[in-house]
């Protein structure tokens, strides 16, 4: 390439400061283990760059590997090179992710033309670490942080990036800090980008996107953000054949390579055991207020005369491990709803049995089915010891209390539960339980929980599906006088 004259260099710098797209002419990128390559400005990136400088608050749902992270790294590098005293705050999922995003800006700088890096203000980056990169002569810097409760507190920034925000543990907390940071000055900007985490059907990120201007959802315009969506095929040479060849289950592809924003933000679907529209309706109408006792007992409907109840128990593997769950289901006619639950991994088997016995007795001693495999046996035995009057026995001689939930009968009961949920004859309005229903998937023809909580609240519902046909309201009392029925 022909050497630029001093005048040409000054003109180039002036253009870079005035126009973000001018900087891109000098950019090369380099993935780990690969040679540096010229930066290709795909058409969707033009839209992204323009939006970055047009909107104060921007949120984007995106497919994986479409150049958005590189776009952010390039744009933020240009900012600290051209705006004296400018500070960029980047918050990522974890420490390594924050270092990766900052590292992209460093790579872009290292691959700039040598004449550009000889300019005194840009000659020697300082600070230059895995957490900070900047130019001390300009007083400008990029700072990278993992998403922790304190990330962003007390930081003043000209621009803020929340990268892969749907995977941040403390996104809502961090956003509260950073929005306050940029709110004071009109030139400051905040951008939130992420692929969708399919294990979080109602995450704070998804709520924020749906409320953004232009999101296409009914909530659009309820917050100051502007929405962008970039599907999998914005990158050249991506088509259905390419998508089909990607590894992973269909539900994973919906998150990583969505075709539409509705697909990206919807609950797990294609392999879902249950109708996702039904589950979404349950989620949208879930209880937000209900009675809670001792932090582990949740009452949605108090006991009602005329309602017949059934209860099921799944026992966790121990304190601090899997959760133990009791669900009490109330049935009136052909409709049933979860009335109360106990849900905890903080109490032992004896205490869980005691609390279950106590709660079930207030619901008129419903038939109680306990998964008696493994540690479930201890709870079943304790309930016998406590004298609970209506335990389910697997054998006709009432010698084996509980039910052994094996792989074959779990598949059978899951099919029955699917029918009850999908035809709305059984509903729950408790969000943790709805979430586990959303995470229940057919994997090679077998029902599996794909979430982190292992479907503990689903097992009691499987037991309801097993016995619901055999439970009915008690026969009403009748009174006769002289052989004539009077009531």
Protein backbone atom coordinates (compact mmCIF):
# COMPACT_ATOMS: atom_id res chain seq x y z
CA UNK A 1 0.00 0.00 0.00
CA UNK A 2 1.33 3.41 -0.93
CA UNK A 3 2.61 5.50 2.00
CA UNK A 4 0.29 8.34 2.95
CA UNK A 5 1.56 11.89 3.09
CA UNK A 6 1.30 13.88 6.30
CA UNK A 7 -1.62 15.81 4.86
CA UNK A 8 -3.40 12.59 3.87
CA UNK A 9 -2.89 11.18 7.35
CA UNK A 10 -4.37 14.29 8.95
CA UNK A 11 -7.32 14.13 6.59
CA UNK A 12 -7.82 10.43 7.37
CA UNK A 13 -7.79 11.10 11.12
CA UNK A 14 -10.29 13.92 10.72
CA UNK A 15 -12.62 11.62 8.77
CA UNK A 16 -12.28 8.87 11.39
CA UNK A 17 -13.24 11.30 14.15
CA UNK A 18 -16.23 12.56 12.19
CA UNK A 19 -17.56 9.29 10.76
CA UNK A 20 -17.51 5.84 12.41
CA UNK A 21 -17.60 4.13 9.01
CA UNK A 22 -14.30 5.75 7.98
CA UNK A 23 -12.51 3.89 10.77
CA UNK A 24 -13.70 0.55 9.37
CA UNK A 25 -11.53 1.02 6.27
CA UNK A 26 -8.44 0.40 8.41
CA UNK A 27 -9.79 -2.48 10.51
CA UNK A 28 -8.58 -6.06 10.38
CA UNK A 29 -9.80 -8.77 12.75
CA UNK A 30 -8.16 -11.96 13.92
CA UNK A 31 -9.76 -14.94 15.63
CA UNK A 32 -7.57 -17.05 17.95
CA UNK A 33 -5.29 -19.33 15.95
CA UNK A 34 -6.18 -17.69 12.64
CA UNK A 35 -4.56 -15.14 10.35
CA UNK A 36 -5.78 -11.58 10.37
CA UNK A 37 -8.33 -10.77 7.71
CA UNK A 38 -9.92 -7.63 6.31
CA UNK A 39 -13.06 -6.57 8.13
CA UNK A 40 -16.16 -7.24 6.04
CA UNK A 41 -19.04 -4.86 6.63
CA UNK A 42 -22.12 -7.04 6.17
CA UNK A 43 -25.35 -5.15 5.55
CA UNK A 44 -26.84 -5.86 8.98
CA UNK A 45 -23.71 -4.39 10.59
CA UNK A 46 -24.35 -1.10 8.79
CA UNK A 47 -27.75 -1.02 10.49
CA UNK A 48 -26.14 -1.90 13.81
CA UNK A 49 -23.47 0.82 13.62
CA UNK A 50 -26.02 3.44 12.68
CA UNK A 51 -28.28 2.42 15.56
CA UNK A 52 -25.37 2.60 18.01
CA UNK A 53 -24.95 6.29 17.26
CA UNK A 54 -28.62 7.14 16.77
CA UNK A 55 -30.19 5.82 19.97
CA UNK A 56 -29.25 6.55 23.56
CA UNK A 57 -30.62 3.18 24.72
CA UNK A 58 -30.37 0.22 22.34
CA UNK A 59 -31.21 -3.46 22.83
CA UNK A 60 -30.61 -6.25 20.30
CA UNK A 61 -31.53 -9.93 20.15
CA UNK A 62 -29.15 -11.71 17.82
CA UNK A 63 -28.07 -15.03 16.41
CA UNK A 64 -24.64 -16.34 17.25
CA UNK A 65 -21.53 -15.48 15.23
CA UNK A 66 -22.90 -12.66 13.10
CA UNK A 67 -20.20 -10.11 13.94
CA UNK A 68 -21.97 -8.11 16.65
CA UNK A 69 -19.27 -8.60 19.29
CA UNK A 70 -16.58 -7.52 16.84
CA UNK A 71 -18.75 -4.55 15.91
CA UNK A 72 -18.97 -3.47 19.54
CA UNK A 73 -15.23 -3.93 20.08
CA UNK A 74 -14.41 -1.85 16.99
CA UNK A 75 -16.85 0.92 17.80
CA UNK A 76 -15.69 1.25 21.40
CA UNK A 77 -12.03 1.30 20.35
CA UNK A 78 -12.75 4.16 17.95
CA UNK A 79 -14.52 6.06 20.73
CA UNK A 80 -11.56 5.96 23.12
CA UNK A 81 -9.20 6.88 20.25
CA UNK A 82 -11.19 9.91 19.14
CA UNK A 83 -12.93 11.31 22.24
CA UNK A 84 -10.63 12.69 24.96
CA UNK A 85 -11.63 11.64 28.47
CA UNK A 86 -14.06 9.02 27.16
CA UNK A 87 -14.75 5.96 29.28
CA UNK A 88 -16.38 2.72 28.12
CA UNK A 89 -17.83 0.22 30.58
CA UNK A 90 -18.30 -3.36 29.32
CA UNK A 91 -20.16 -5.95 31.40
CA UNK A 92 -20.13 -9.59 30.33
CA UNK A 93 -21.37 -12.89 31.74
CA UNK A 94 -18.14 -13.83 33.50
CA UNK A 95 -14.50 -12.88 33.86
CA UNK A 96 -13.28 -14.76 30.78
CA UNK A 97 -16.12 -13.36 28.64
CA UNK A 98 -15.34 -9.79 29.72
CA UNK A 99 -11.68 -10.32 28.88
CA UNK A 100 -12.60 -11.77 25.48
CA UNK A 101 -14.65 -8.73 24.49
CA UNK A 102 -11.96 -6.31 25.63
CA UNK A 103 -9.38 -8.48 23.86
CA UNK A 104 -11.15 -7.93 20.55
CA UNK A 105 -10.57 -4.17 20.84
CA UNK A 106 -6.90 -4.83 21.58
CA UNK A 107 -6.61 -7.08 18.51
CA UNK A 108 -8.14 -4.41 16.29
CA UNK A 109 -5.69 -1.83 17.63
CA UNK A 110 -2.71 -4.15 17.12
CA UNK A 111 -3.69 -4.65 13.47
CA UNK A 112 -4.17 -0.98 12.61
CA UNK A 113 -1.75 0.55 10.08
CA UNK A 114 1.63 1.35 11.61
CA UNK A 115 1.37 5.05 10.74
CA UNK A 116 -1.79 5.26 12.80
CA UNK A 117 -0.14 3.65 15.83
CA UNK A 118 2.75 6.15 15.57
CA UNK A 119 0.48 9.09 16.31
CA UNK A 120 1.61 10.29 19.78
CA UNK A 121 -1.82 9.98 21.42
CA UNK A 122 -2.21 6.41 20.12
CA UNK A 123 1.39 5.23 20.25
CA UNK A 124 1.43 3.32 23.51
CA UNK A 125 -1.80 1.99 25.05
CA UNK A 126 -1.94 2.54 28.79
CA UNK A 127 -3.53 0.92 30.72
CA UNK A 128 -3.15 -2.32 28.80
CA UNK A 129 -4.33 -5.32 30.81
CA UNK A 130 -7.00 -8.01 30.65
CA UNK A 131 -9.39 -5.67 32.49
CA UNK A 132 -8.52 -2.26 30.99
CA UNK A 133 -7.32 -0.85 27.68
CA UNK A 134 -6.87 2.82 26.93
CA UNK A 135 -4.72 5.83 26.10
CA UNK A 136 -3.44 7.82 29.06
CA UNK A 137 -2.52 10.85 26.96
CA UNK A 138 -6.19 11.12 25.99
CA UNK A 139 -7.50 10.06 29.38
CA UNK A 140 -9.76 7.50 27.71
CA UNK A 141 -10.22 3.84 28.62
CA UNK A 142 -12.32 0.68 28.18
CA UNK A 143 -13.00 -1.16 31.44
CA UNK A 144 -14.30 -4.75 31.40
CA UNK A 145 -16.19 -6.40 34.26
CA UNK A 146 -18.03 -9.68 34.84
CA UNK A 147 -21.68 -9.44 35.86
CA UNK A 148 -21.59 -9.28 39.66
CA UNK A 149 -23.88 -7.47 42.08
CA UNK A 150 -21.46 -4.55 42.28
CA UNK A 151 -20.51 -4.25 38.59
CA UNK A 152 -21.04 -0.69 37.41
CA UNK A 153 -21.50 0.87 40.85
CA UNK A 154 -19.79 4.23 41.09
CA UNK A 155 -18.49 4.09 37.51
CA UNK A 156 -18.83 7.07 35.19
CA UNK A 157 -18.94 6.08 31.54
CA UNK A 158 -19.62 7.70 28.21
CA UNK A 159 -20.89 4.41 26.82
CA UNK A 160 -21.93 1.12 28.40
CA UNK A 161 -22.13 -2.35 26.87
CA UNK A 162 -24.03 -5.28 28.38
CA UNK A 163 -22.81 -8.20 26.24
CA UNK A 164 -24.78 -11.50 26.15
CA UNK A 165 -27.02 -9.98 28.80
CA UNK A 166 -29.59 -12.79 28.90
CA UNK A 167 -26.92 -14.95 30.54
CA UNK A 168 -25.99 -12.40 33.24
CA UNK A 169 -26.85 -13.43 36.77
CA UNK A 170 -27.23 -9.82 37.93
CA UNK A 171 -28.43 -8.13 34.74
CA UNK A 172 -31.32 -6.21 36.32
CA UNK A 173 -29.11 -4.96 39.16
CA UNK A 174 -26.29 -3.97 36.80
CA UNK A 175 -28.69 -2.22 34.43
CA UNK A 176 -30.02 -0.11 37.28
CA UNK A 177 -26.49 1.13 37.96
CA UNK A 178 -25.49 1.74 34.35
CA UNK A 179 -28.68 3.48 33.20
CA UNK A 180 -28.08 6.02 35.94
CA UNK A 181 -24.53 6.43 34.63
CA UNK A 182 -25.56 7.43 31.11
CA UNK A 183 -28.78 9.28 31.93
CA UNK A 184 -27.11 12.56 32.90
CA UNK A 185 -25.61 13.55 29.55
CA UNK A 186 -27.17 13.43 26.05
CA UNK A 187 -23.99 12.16 24.37
CA UNK A 188 -23.77 9.04 26.52
CA UNK A 189 -25.02 5.69 25.19
CA UNK A 190 -26.02 2.27 26.54
CA UNK A 191 -26.36 -0.89 24.45
CA UNK A 192 -27.61 -4.32 25.50
CA UNK A 193 -27.06 -7.30 23.18
CA UNK A 194 -27.58 -11.04 23.59
CA UNK A 195 -28.54 -14.31 22.08
CA UNK A 196 -31.53 -15.80 23.89
CA UNK A 197 -31.15 -18.05 26.91
CA UNK A 198 -33.91 -20.61 26.31
CA UNK A 199 -33.80 -21.70 29.96
CA UNK A 200 -35.11 -18.29 31.06
CA UNK A 201 -38.58 -17.87 29.52
CA UNK A 202 -39.34 -14.63 31.36
CA UNK A 203 -35.91 -13.14 31.99
CA UNK A 204 -35.30 -9.45 32.68
CA UNK A 205 -33.52 -9.20 29.33
CA UNK A 206 -36.55 -10.59 27.47
CA UNK A 207 -38.90 -8.28 29.35
CA UNK A 208 -36.70 -5.30 28.49
CA UNK A 209 -36.62 -6.25 24.80
CA UNK A 210 -40.38 -6.73 24.57
CA UNK A 211 -40.94 -3.30 26.10
CA UNK A 212 -38.52 -1.56 23.73
CA UNK A 213 -39.65 0.71 20.90
CA UNK A 214 -40.08 -1.31 17.71
CA UNK A 215 -39.95 -4.75 19.34
CA UNK A 216 -43.23 -5.82 17.74
CA UNK A 217 -44.66 -7.06 21.05
CA UNK A 218 -47.72 -5.62 22.76
CA UNK A 219 -45.48 -4.10 25.45
CA UNK A 220 -43.47 -2.12 22.86
CA UNK A 221 -42.76 1.45 23.88
CA UNK A 222 -43.03 0.91 27.63
CA UNK A 223 -39.32 1.66 28.14
CA UNK A 224 -36.83 4.04 26.45
CA UNK A 225 -34.87 1.35 24.58
CA UNK A 226 -34.98 0.83 20.82
CA UNK A 227 -35.13 -2.78 19.62
CA UNK A 228 -33.12 -4.57 16.93
CA UNK A 229 -33.28 -8.22 15.88
CA UNK A 230 -30.72 -10.05 13.75
CA UNK A 231 -31.70 -13.59 12.64
CA UNK A 232 -29.26 -16.35 11.77
CA UNK A 233 -29.34 -15.69 8.02
CA UNK A 234 -28.15 -12.06 8.07
CA UNK A 235 -24.68 -13.48 7.60
CA UNK A 236 -23.98 -14.43 3.96
CA UNK A 237 -24.22 -18.10 2.93
CA UNK A 238 -26.47 -19.05 5.80
CA UNK A 239 -29.59 -20.85 4.63
CA UNK A 240 -31.82 -23.76 5.71
CA UNK A 241 -29.23 -26.31 4.64
CA UNK A 242 -26.60 -24.56 6.74
CA UNK A 243 -28.98 -24.42 9.71
CA UNK A 244 -29.89 -28.11 9.44
CA UNK A 245 -26.21 -29.01 9.48
CA UNK A 246 -25.53 -27.23 12.79
CA UNK A 247 -25.11 -29.43 15.87
CA UNK A 248 -27.60 -29.38 18.73
CA UNK A 249 -31.26 -30.05 19.36
CA UNK A 250 -33.92 -27.97 17.60
CA UNK A 251 -34.68 -25.99 20.77
CA UNK A 252 -31.00 -25.09 21.08
CA UNK A 253 -30.94 -23.85 17.49
CA UNK A 254 -33.97 -21.67 18.19
CA UNK A 255 -31.89 -19.85 20.77
CA UNK A 256 -28.56 -19.79 18.93
CA UNK A 257 -29.80 -19.34 15.36
CA UNK A 258 -33.37 -17.97 15.48
CA UNK A 259 -35.36 -17.17 12.35
CA UNK A 260 -37.68 -14.71 14.09
CA UNK A 261 -37.58 -12.76 17.33
CA UNK A 262 -40.70 -14.65 18.49
CA UNK A 263 -38.80 -17.91 18.06
CA UNK A 264 -35.81 -16.50 19.92
CA UNK A 265 -37.81 -15.30 22.92
CA UNK A 266 -40.37 -18.12 23.10
CA UNK A 267 -40.13 -20.97 25.62
CA UNK A 268 -38.51 -24.23 24.58
CA UNK A 269 -40.78 -25.56 21.86
CA UNK A 270 -40.01 -28.09 19.18
CA UNK A 271 -39.15 -30.92 21.55
CA UNK A 272 -41.32 -29.66 24.36
CA UNK A 273 -43.48 -32.28 26.01
CA UNK A 274 -46.25 -29.70 26.29
CA UNK A 275 -47.99 -27.23 24.01
CA UNK A 276 -45.90 -24.08 24.37
CA UNK A 277 -48.89 -21.79 23.75
CA UNK A 278 -50.65 -23.40 26.72
CA UNK A 279 -47.56 -22.97 28.88
CA UNK A 280 -47.14 -19.36 27.81
CA UNK A 281 -50.75 -18.69 28.79
CA UNK A 282 -50.11 -20.26 32.20
CA UNK A 283 -46.99 -18.12 32.59
CA UNK A 284 -48.80 -14.93 31.60
CA UNK A 285 -51.51 -15.65 34.17
CA UNK A 286 -49.28 -16.93 36.96
CA UNK A 287 -49.80 -15.76 40.53
CA UNK A 288 -47.65 -12.88 41.68
CA UNK A 289 -49.09 -12.79 45.19
CA UNK A 290 -49.89 -15.74 47.43
CA UNK A 291 -49.44 -16.84 51.03
CA UNK A 292 -45.99 -18.14 51.96
CA UNK A 293 -45.18 -19.85 55.24
CA UNK A 294 -41.73 -20.60 56.63
CA UNK A 295 -40.28 -19.62 53.22
CA UNK A 296 -40.99 -23.12 51.82
CA UNK A 297 -44.79 -23.52 51.92
CA UNK A 298 -46.84 -21.68 49.29
CA UNK A 299 -50.64 -21.53 49.44
CA UNK A 300 -52.45 -20.55 46.24
CA UNK A 301 -55.95 -21.71 47.20
CA UNK A 302 -56.97 -22.50 50.79
CA UNK A 303 -58.91 -25.72 51.44
CA UNK A 304 -62.46 -25.57 50.08
CA UNK A 305 -65.40 -27.81 50.91
CA UNK A 306 -66.60 -29.60 47.79
CA UNK A 307 -63.14 -29.80 46.24
CA UNK A 308 -61.45 -33.18 46.22
CA UNK A 309 -57.68 -33.14 46.71
CA UNK A 310 -54.76 -35.34 45.77
CA UNK A 311 -51.10 -34.86 46.73
CA UNK A 312 -47.77 -36.11 45.39
CA UNK A 313 -44.22 -36.00 46.72
CA UNK A 314 -40.83 -36.14 45.03
CA UNK A 315 -37.94 -36.32 47.49
CA UNK A 316 -34.60 -34.62 46.77
CA UNK A 317 -31.23 -36.22 47.31
CA UNK A 318 -30.35 -34.25 50.43
CA UNK A 319 -29.99 -30.87 52.07
CA UNK A 320 -28.37 -28.42 49.64
CA UNK A 321 -28.86 -30.74 46.65
CA UNK A 322 -32.04 -31.50 44.66
CA UNK A 323 -35.28 -30.01 45.91
CA UNK A 324 -38.01 -31.99 47.63
CA UNK A 325 -41.44 -31.07 46.34
CA UNK A 326 -45.02 -31.63 47.47
CA UNK A 327 -47.91 -30.50 45.30
CA UNK A 328 -51.53 -30.60 46.43
CA UNK A 329 -53.98 -30.55 43.52
CA UNK A 330 -57.63 -29.62 43.94
CA UNK A 331 -60.19 -31.09 41.56
CA UNK A 332 -63.71 -29.82 40.88
CA UNK A 333 -65.61 -31.63 38.19
CA UNK A 334 -63.26 -32.08 35.24
CA UNK A 335 -60.95 -29.20 36.17
CA UNK A 336 -57.98 -29.33 38.52
CA UNK A 337 -55.45 -26.79 39.78
CA UNK A 338 -52.40 -26.84 42.02
CA UNK A 339 -53.61 -25.47 45.36
CA UNK A 340 -50.47 -25.60 47.50
CA UNK A 341 -46.83 -26.68 47.39
CA UNK A 342 -43.90 -27.33 49.67
CA UNK A 343 -40.58 -26.77 47.92
CA UNK A 344 -37.20 -26.85 49.64
CA UNK A 345 -33.68 -28.25 49.60
CA UNK A 346 -32.92 -26.90 53.06
CA UNK A 347 -34.72 -29.38 55.32
CA UNK A 348 -34.12 -33.08 55.93
CA UNK A 349 -36.44 -35.96 55.12
CA UNK A 350 -38.06 -36.13 58.57
CA UNK A 351 -38.86 -32.42 58.60
CA UNK A 352 -40.17 -32.57 55.04
CA UNK A 353 -42.41 -35.52 55.95
CA UNK A 354 -43.67 -33.67 59.04
CA UNK A 355 -44.52 -30.51 57.08
CA UNK A 356 -46.18 -32.55 54.32
CA UNK A 357 -48.28 -34.48 56.83
CA UNK A 358 -49.33 -31.25 58.54
CA UNK A 359 -50.26 -29.42 55.32
CA UNK A 360 -52.09 -32.36 53.76
CA UNK A 361 -54.27 -32.79 56.85
CA UNK A 362 -55.53 -29.21 56.39
CA UNK A 363 -56.66 -30.22 52.88
CA UNK A 364 -58.92 -33.00 54.21
CA UNK A 365 -56.33 -35.80 54.08
CA UNK A 366 -55.97 -36.20 50.30
CA UNK A 367 -54.60 -39.37 48.77
CA UNK A 368 -50.83 -38.91 49.03
CA UNK A 369 -48.45 -40.60 46.57
CA UNK A 370 -44.74 -40.68 47.44
CA UNK A 371 -41.94 -41.64 45.06
CA UNK A 372 -40.46 -44.41 47.18
CA UNK A 373 -37.23 -44.96 45.25
CA UNK A 374 -34.03 -44.06 47.11
CA UNK A 375 -34.38 -41.37 49.77
CA UNK A 376 -38.09 -41.20 49.07
CA UNK A 377 -38.43 -44.33 51.16
CA UNK A 378 -37.38 -42.42 54.27
CA UNK A 379 -40.18 -39.87 53.77
CA UNK A 380 -42.71 -42.63 53.08
CA UNK A 381 -41.72 -44.47 56.27
CA UNK A 382 -41.91 -41.27 58.32
CA UNK A 383 -45.41 -40.55 57.01
CA UNK A 384 -46.46 -44.04 58.11
CA UNK A 385 -44.93 -43.35 61.53
CA UNK A 386 -46.81 -40.04 61.74
CA UNK A 387 -50.03 -41.93 61.01
CA UNK A 388 -51.03 -40.10 57.85
CA UNK A 389 -54.42 -41.68 57.08
CA UNK A 390 -54.53 -41.73 53.27
CA UNK A 391 -51.25 -42.97 51.80
CA UNK A 392 -51.01 -44.60 48.39
CA UNK A 393 -49.83 -48.21 48.43
CA UNK A 394 -48.33 -49.86 45.38
CA UNK A 395 -49.54 -53.35 46.33
CA UNK A 396 -53.03 -54.56 47.15
CA UNK A 397 -51.98 -55.80 50.60
CA UNK A 398 -50.92 -52.30 51.70
CA UNK A 399 -47.41 -53.41 52.54
CA UNK A 400 -45.40 -51.19 50.18
CA UNK A 401 -46.22 -47.54 50.71
CA UNK A 402 -45.61 -45.17 47.80
CA UNK A 403 -44.93 -45.69 44.11
CA UNK A 404 -41.70 -46.67 42.38
CA UNK A 405 -41.26 -44.23 39.51
CA UNK A 406 -39.17 -46.19 37.00
CA UNK A 407 -38.18 -45.15 33.49
CA UNK A 408 -40.95 -47.12 31.72
CA UNK A 409 -43.78 -45.88 33.93
CA UNK A 410 -42.40 -42.34 33.94
CA UNK A 411 -42.79 -42.26 30.15
CA UNK A 412 -46.35 -43.54 30.47
CA UNK A 413 -47.29 -41.03 33.17
CA UNK A 414 -45.66 -38.17 31.25
CA UNK A 415 -47.92 -38.94 28.28
CA UNK A 416 -50.96 -38.75 30.57
CA UNK A 417 -49.76 -35.48 32.09
CA UNK A 418 -49.20 -34.00 28.62
CA UNK A 419 -52.84 -34.68 27.79
CA UNK A 420 -54.06 -33.06 31.01
CA UNK A 421 -51.91 -29.95 30.60
CA UNK A 422 -52.60 -29.53 26.89
CA UNK A 423 -56.38 -29.81 27.26
CA UNK A 424 -56.27 -27.44 30.26
CA UNK A 425 -57.92 -29.89 32.64
CA UNK A 426 -54.91 -29.46 34.95
CA UNK A 427 -53.32 -26.06 35.50
CA UNK A 428 -50.73 -24.51 37.77
CA UNK A 429 -50.18 -20.81 38.35
CA UNK A 430 -46.89 -21.15 40.23
CA UNK A 431 -44.01 -19.87 38.09
CA UNK A 432 -41.26 -22.29 39.22
CA UNK A 433 -43.53 -25.20 38.29
CA UNK A 434 -44.52 -23.64 34.96
CA UNK A 435 -40.85 -23.06 34.19
CA UNK A 436 -40.10 -26.74 34.80
CA UNK A 437 -42.97 -27.69 32.50
CA UNK A 438 -41.38 -25.47 29.85
CA UNK A 439 -38.08 -27.26 30.36
CA UNK A 440 -39.56 -30.77 30.07
CA UNK A 441 -38.47 -32.24 26.74
CA UNK A 442 -38.79 -35.47 24.81
CA UNK A 443 -35.22 -36.72 24.43
CA UNK A 444 -35.02 -39.84 22.26
CA UNK A 445 -38.64 -40.57 23.13
CA UNK A 446 -38.15 -40.18 26.88
CA UNK A 447 -39.28 -37.24 29.04
CA UNK A 448 -36.31 -35.34 30.46
CA UNK A 449 -35.91 -32.08 32.32
CA UNK A 450 -33.48 -29.80 30.49
CA UNK A 451 -33.28 -27.20 33.25
CA UNK A 452 -31.07 -26.80 36.29
CA UNK A 453 -33.73 -27.90 38.82
CA UNK A 454 -34.24 -31.41 37.36
CA UNK A 455 -38.04 -31.21 37.15
CA UNK A 456 -38.59 -31.78 40.88
CA UNK A 457 -42.02 -30.13 40.84
CA UNK A 458 -43.20 -32.20 37.86
CA UNK A 459 -43.09 -35.59 39.62
CA UNK A 460 -46.05 -34.77 41.91
CA UNK A 461 -48.04 -33.81 38.80
CA UNK A 462 -47.15 -37.16 37.22
CA UNK A 463 -48.68 -38.83 40.28
CA UNK A 464 -51.82 -36.74 39.85
CA UNK A 465 -52.01 -37.92 36.24
CA UNK A 466 -51.75 -41.49 37.53
CA UNK A 467 -54.65 -41.34 40.01
CA UNK A 468 -56.88 -38.48 38.88
CA UNK A 469 -59.49 -40.78 37.31
CA UNK A 470 -59.92 -42.64 40.59
CA UNK A 471 -60.55 -39.63 42.82
CA UNK A 472 -63.95 -38.00 43.06
CA UNK A 473 -65.80 -35.71 45.44
CA UNK A 474 -67.26 -37.38 48.53
CA UNK A 475 -70.91 -38.28 48.30
CA UNK A 476 -73.09 -35.54 49.72
CA UNK A 477 -74.86 -36.24 52.99
CA UNK A 478 -78.59 -37.04 52.80
CA UNK A 479 -81.27 -36.84 55.51
CA UNK A 480 -84.54 -38.78 55.62
CA UNK A 481 -87.61 -38.42 57.88
CA UNK A 482 -90.13 -41.23 57.88
CA UNK A 483 -88.50 -42.64 54.79
CA UNK A 484 -88.75 -39.33 52.91
CA UNK A 485 -85.59 -37.48 51.83
CA UNK A 486 -85.72 -33.93 53.15
CA UNK A 487 -82.07 -32.85 52.36
